[in-house]
N, C-alpha and C. Protein backbone atom coordinates (compact mmCIF):
# COMPACT_ATOMS: atom_id res chain seq x y z
N MET A 1 6.02 3.76 -3.17
CA MET A 1 5.66 4.07 -1.79
C MET A 1 4.33 4.82 -1.77
N LYS A 2 3.44 4.38 -0.91
CA LYS A 2 2.14 5.02 -0.75
C LYS A 2 2.31 6.33 0.01
N ARG A 3 1.73 7.38 -0.49
CA ARG A 3 1.83 8.69 0.16
C ARG A 3 0.51 9.03 0.83
N ALA A 4 0.60 9.58 2.01
CA ALA A 4 -0.60 10.00 2.73
C ALA A 4 -0.86 11.47 2.45
N ILE A 5 -2.10 11.78 2.21
CA ILE A 5 -2.50 13.17 1.99
C ILE A 5 -3.44 13.56 3.12
N GLN A 6 -3.18 14.71 3.68
CA GLN A 6 -4.04 15.18 4.76
C GLN A 6 -4.83 16.37 4.26
N TYR A 7 -6.13 16.32 4.50
CA TYR A 7 -7.02 17.40 4.13
C TYR A 7 -7.42 18.15 5.40
N PHE A 8 -7.49 19.47 5.31
CA PHE A 8 -7.81 20.30 6.46
C PHE A 8 -9.13 21.03 6.25
N SER A 9 -9.93 21.11 7.30
CA SER A 9 -11.14 21.92 7.26
C SER A 9 -10.74 23.38 7.51
N LYS A 10 -11.67 24.28 7.27
CA LYS A 10 -11.41 25.70 7.51
C LYS A 10 -11.04 25.92 8.98
N GLU A 11 -11.76 25.24 9.88
CA GLU A 11 -11.49 25.38 11.32
C GLU A 11 -10.09 24.88 11.66
N GLN A 12 -9.70 23.75 11.09
CA GLN A 12 -8.36 23.22 11.34
C GLN A 12 -7.29 24.19 10.85
N LEU A 13 -7.52 24.79 9.69
CA LEU A 13 -6.55 25.75 9.16
C LEU A 13 -6.43 26.98 10.07
N GLU A 14 -7.57 27.43 10.58
CA GLU A 14 -7.55 28.58 11.50
C GLU A 14 -6.79 28.23 12.78
N ASN A 15 -7.02 27.02 13.31
CA ASN A 15 -6.30 26.59 14.51
C ASN A 15 -4.82 26.39 14.23
N SER A 16 -4.51 25.89 13.05
CA SER A 16 -3.11 25.67 12.68
C SER A 16 -2.34 26.98 12.59
N ALA A 17 -3.03 28.05 12.21
CA ALA A 17 -2.37 29.35 12.09
C ALA A 17 -1.87 29.85 13.45
N LYS A 18 -2.40 29.29 14.53
CA LYS A 18 -2.00 29.69 15.88
C LYS A 18 -0.78 28.93 16.38
N LEU A 19 -0.36 27.89 15.64
CA LEU A 19 0.77 27.07 16.08
C LEU A 19 2.10 27.76 15.81
N THR A 20 3.06 27.43 16.63
CA THR A 20 4.42 27.94 16.41
C THR A 20 5.07 27.10 15.31
N PRO A 21 6.11 27.63 14.67
CA PRO A 21 6.81 26.83 13.65
C PRO A 21 7.31 25.49 14.22
N LYS A 22 7.77 25.48 15.46
CA LYS A 22 8.26 24.25 16.07
C LYS A 22 7.12 23.23 16.20
N GLN A 23 5.93 23.68 16.64
CA GLN A 23 4.79 22.78 16.77
C GLN A 23 4.38 22.21 15.41
N ILE A 24 4.43 23.03 14.38
CA ILE A 24 4.07 22.58 13.04
C ILE A 24 5.05 21.52 12.55
N ILE A 25 6.33 21.77 12.74
CA ILE A 25 7.36 20.81 12.32
C ILE A 25 7.20 19.49 13.06
N GLU A 26 6.96 19.54 14.37
CA GLU A 26 6.78 18.32 15.15
C GLU A 26 5.56 17.53 14.67
N PHE A 27 4.45 18.24 14.40
CA PHE A 27 3.26 17.56 13.92
C PHE A 27 3.51 16.90 12.57
N LEU A 28 4.11 17.64 11.64
CA LEU A 28 4.36 17.09 10.31
C LEU A 28 5.31 15.90 10.37
N ASP A 29 6.31 15.99 11.22
CA ASP A 29 7.25 14.88 11.36
C ASP A 29 6.55 13.65 11.95
N ASP A 30 5.73 13.85 12.98
CA ASP A 30 4.98 12.74 13.57
C ASP A 30 4.02 12.13 12.55
N PHE A 31 3.35 12.98 11.78
CA PHE A 31 2.41 12.50 10.76
C PHE A 31 3.15 11.67 9.71
N ARG A 32 4.28 12.15 9.26
CA ARG A 32 5.08 11.42 8.26
C ARG A 32 5.52 10.07 8.82
N MET A 33 5.98 10.06 10.06
CA MET A 33 6.44 8.81 10.66
C MET A 33 5.30 7.79 10.79
N LEU A 34 4.10 8.28 11.12
CA LEU A 34 2.95 7.39 11.24
C LEU A 34 2.65 6.66 9.93
N HIS A 35 2.90 7.34 8.83
CA HIS A 35 2.51 6.80 7.53
C HIS A 35 3.67 6.20 6.74
N THR A 36 4.87 6.24 7.28
CA THR A 36 6.00 5.65 6.56
C THR A 36 6.74 4.61 7.38
N GLN A 37 6.31 4.40 8.60
CA GLN A 37 7.00 3.48 9.51
C GLN A 37 6.83 2.04 9.05
N ASN A 38 7.96 1.35 8.84
CA ASN A 38 7.91 -0.06 8.47
C ASN A 38 8.23 -0.96 9.65
N SER A 39 8.94 -0.45 10.61
CA SER A 39 9.27 -1.24 11.78
C SER A 39 8.46 -0.74 12.98
N PRO A 40 8.23 -1.61 13.95
CA PRO A 40 7.44 -1.19 15.11
C PRO A 40 8.10 -0.03 15.86
N VAL A 41 7.27 0.86 16.34
CA VAL A 41 7.78 1.98 17.13
C VAL A 41 7.48 1.72 18.60
N LYS A 42 8.19 2.41 19.45
CA LYS A 42 8.00 2.27 20.88
C LYS A 42 6.61 2.79 21.25
N SER A 43 5.94 2.08 22.12
CA SER A 43 4.62 2.50 22.58
C SER A 43 4.72 3.17 23.95
N LYS A 44 3.74 4.00 24.23
CA LYS A 44 3.68 4.72 25.51
C LYS A 44 2.41 4.31 26.24
N LEU A 45 2.55 3.86 27.46
CA LEU A 45 1.41 3.50 28.28
C LEU A 45 0.73 4.78 28.76
N ILE A 46 -0.59 4.85 28.54
CA ILE A 46 -1.33 6.03 29.00
C ILE A 46 -2.50 5.59 29.87
N SER A 47 -3.07 6.54 30.57
CA SER A 47 -4.25 6.29 31.38
C SER A 47 -5.31 7.28 30.94
N ILE A 48 -6.52 6.79 30.75
CA ILE A 48 -7.61 7.66 30.30
C ILE A 48 -8.91 7.21 30.97
N LYS A 49 -9.69 8.17 31.41
CA LYS A 49 -11.00 7.85 32.00
C LYS A 49 -12.03 7.88 30.89
N VAL A 50 -12.81 6.79 30.80
CA VAL A 50 -13.84 6.65 29.78
C VAL A 50 -15.11 6.19 30.49
N PRO A 51 -16.26 6.76 30.15
CA PRO A 51 -17.50 6.26 30.75
C PRO A 51 -17.64 4.75 30.54
N GLU A 52 -18.04 4.05 31.58
CA GLU A 52 -18.10 2.58 31.53
C GLU A 52 -18.98 2.06 30.41
N ASP A 53 -20.14 2.70 30.20
CA ASP A 53 -21.03 2.22 29.14
C ASP A 53 -20.41 2.40 27.76
N LEU A 54 -19.68 3.49 27.56
CA LEU A 54 -19.01 3.73 26.28
C LEU A 54 -17.92 2.68 26.05
N LEU A 55 -17.12 2.42 27.06
CA LEU A 55 -16.06 1.42 26.94
C LEU A 55 -16.63 0.03 26.69
N ARG A 56 -17.68 -0.31 27.41
CA ARG A 56 -18.32 -1.63 27.23
C ARG A 56 -18.84 -1.79 25.80
N ALA A 57 -19.51 -0.76 25.30
CA ALA A 57 -20.04 -0.82 23.93
C ALA A 57 -18.91 -0.87 22.91
N PHE A 58 -17.84 -0.12 23.16
CA PHE A 58 -16.69 -0.11 22.25
C PHE A 58 -16.03 -1.49 22.21
N LYS A 59 -15.88 -2.10 23.38
CA LYS A 59 -15.29 -3.44 23.44
C LYS A 59 -16.15 -4.46 22.69
N ARG A 60 -17.47 -4.36 22.86
CA ARG A 60 -18.38 -5.29 22.18
C ARG A 60 -18.28 -5.14 20.67
N LYS A 61 -18.27 -3.90 20.21
CA LYS A 61 -18.17 -3.67 18.76
C LYS A 61 -16.82 -4.17 18.24
N SER A 62 -15.77 -3.94 18.99
CA SER A 62 -14.44 -4.43 18.59
C SER A 62 -14.44 -5.96 18.51
N GLU A 63 -15.07 -6.61 19.49
CA GLU A 63 -15.16 -8.08 19.47
C GLU A 63 -15.92 -8.54 18.23
N PHE A 64 -17.01 -7.86 17.91
CA PHE A 64 -17.81 -8.19 16.75
C PHE A 64 -16.98 -8.08 15.47
N GLU A 65 -16.10 -7.08 15.42
CA GLU A 65 -15.23 -6.88 14.26
C GLU A 65 -13.99 -7.76 14.33
N ASP A 66 -13.85 -8.52 15.43
CA ASP A 66 -12.71 -9.41 15.64
C ASP A 66 -11.38 -8.65 15.68
N VAL A 67 -11.41 -7.50 16.36
CA VAL A 67 -10.22 -6.67 16.53
C VAL A 67 -10.10 -6.34 18.00
N PRO A 68 -8.92 -6.54 18.60
CA PRO A 68 -8.77 -6.14 20.00
C PRO A 68 -9.10 -4.65 20.17
N TYR A 69 -9.78 -4.31 21.25
CA TYR A 69 -10.27 -2.94 21.38
C TYR A 69 -9.15 -1.89 21.42
N GLN A 70 -8.02 -2.21 22.03
CA GLN A 70 -6.92 -1.24 22.06
C GLN A 70 -6.34 -1.03 20.67
N THR A 71 -6.30 -2.09 19.89
CA THR A 71 -5.85 -1.97 18.50
C THR A 71 -6.82 -1.07 17.73
N MET A 72 -8.11 -1.22 17.99
CA MET A 72 -9.11 -0.39 17.33
C MET A 72 -8.95 1.08 17.74
N ILE A 73 -8.66 1.33 19.00
CA ILE A 73 -8.44 2.71 19.45
C ILE A 73 -7.27 3.32 18.67
N LYS A 74 -6.16 2.57 18.54
CA LYS A 74 -4.99 3.09 17.80
C LYS A 74 -5.33 3.31 16.34
N LYS A 75 -6.11 2.41 15.76
CA LYS A 75 -6.50 2.54 14.35
C LYS A 75 -7.33 3.81 14.17
N LEU A 76 -8.28 4.04 15.06
CA LEU A 76 -9.12 5.23 14.97
C LEU A 76 -8.31 6.51 15.19
N MET A 77 -7.33 6.45 16.08
CA MET A 77 -6.47 7.62 16.29
C MET A 77 -5.70 7.96 15.03
N LYS A 78 -5.17 6.94 14.36
CA LYS A 78 -4.44 7.17 13.10
C LYS A 78 -5.37 7.75 12.04
N GLN A 79 -6.57 7.19 11.92
CA GLN A 79 -7.52 7.71 10.93
C GLN A 79 -7.86 9.16 11.21
N TRP A 80 -8.03 9.48 12.48
CA TRP A 80 -8.40 10.85 12.85
C TRP A 80 -7.31 11.84 12.49
N LEU A 81 -6.06 11.41 12.65
CA LEU A 81 -4.94 12.29 12.30
C LEU A 81 -4.82 12.44 10.80
């Protein structure tokens, strides 16, 4: 099984020190699930305002990479975490 390792910057560690134990447990559990999930998980519909030019450029780049733009957003979110 592939294991995910998360590295933290000094700023992230300082911010993490402000979290409650419950928040830390929830984050770690969510992180583990993201990296060990073999079956599809339920998705949540969200609404977000994005500048039109940014969205247009993002969609074009996603098309160039032959990846649907919403899939690319989810991929980038996972990478960021």
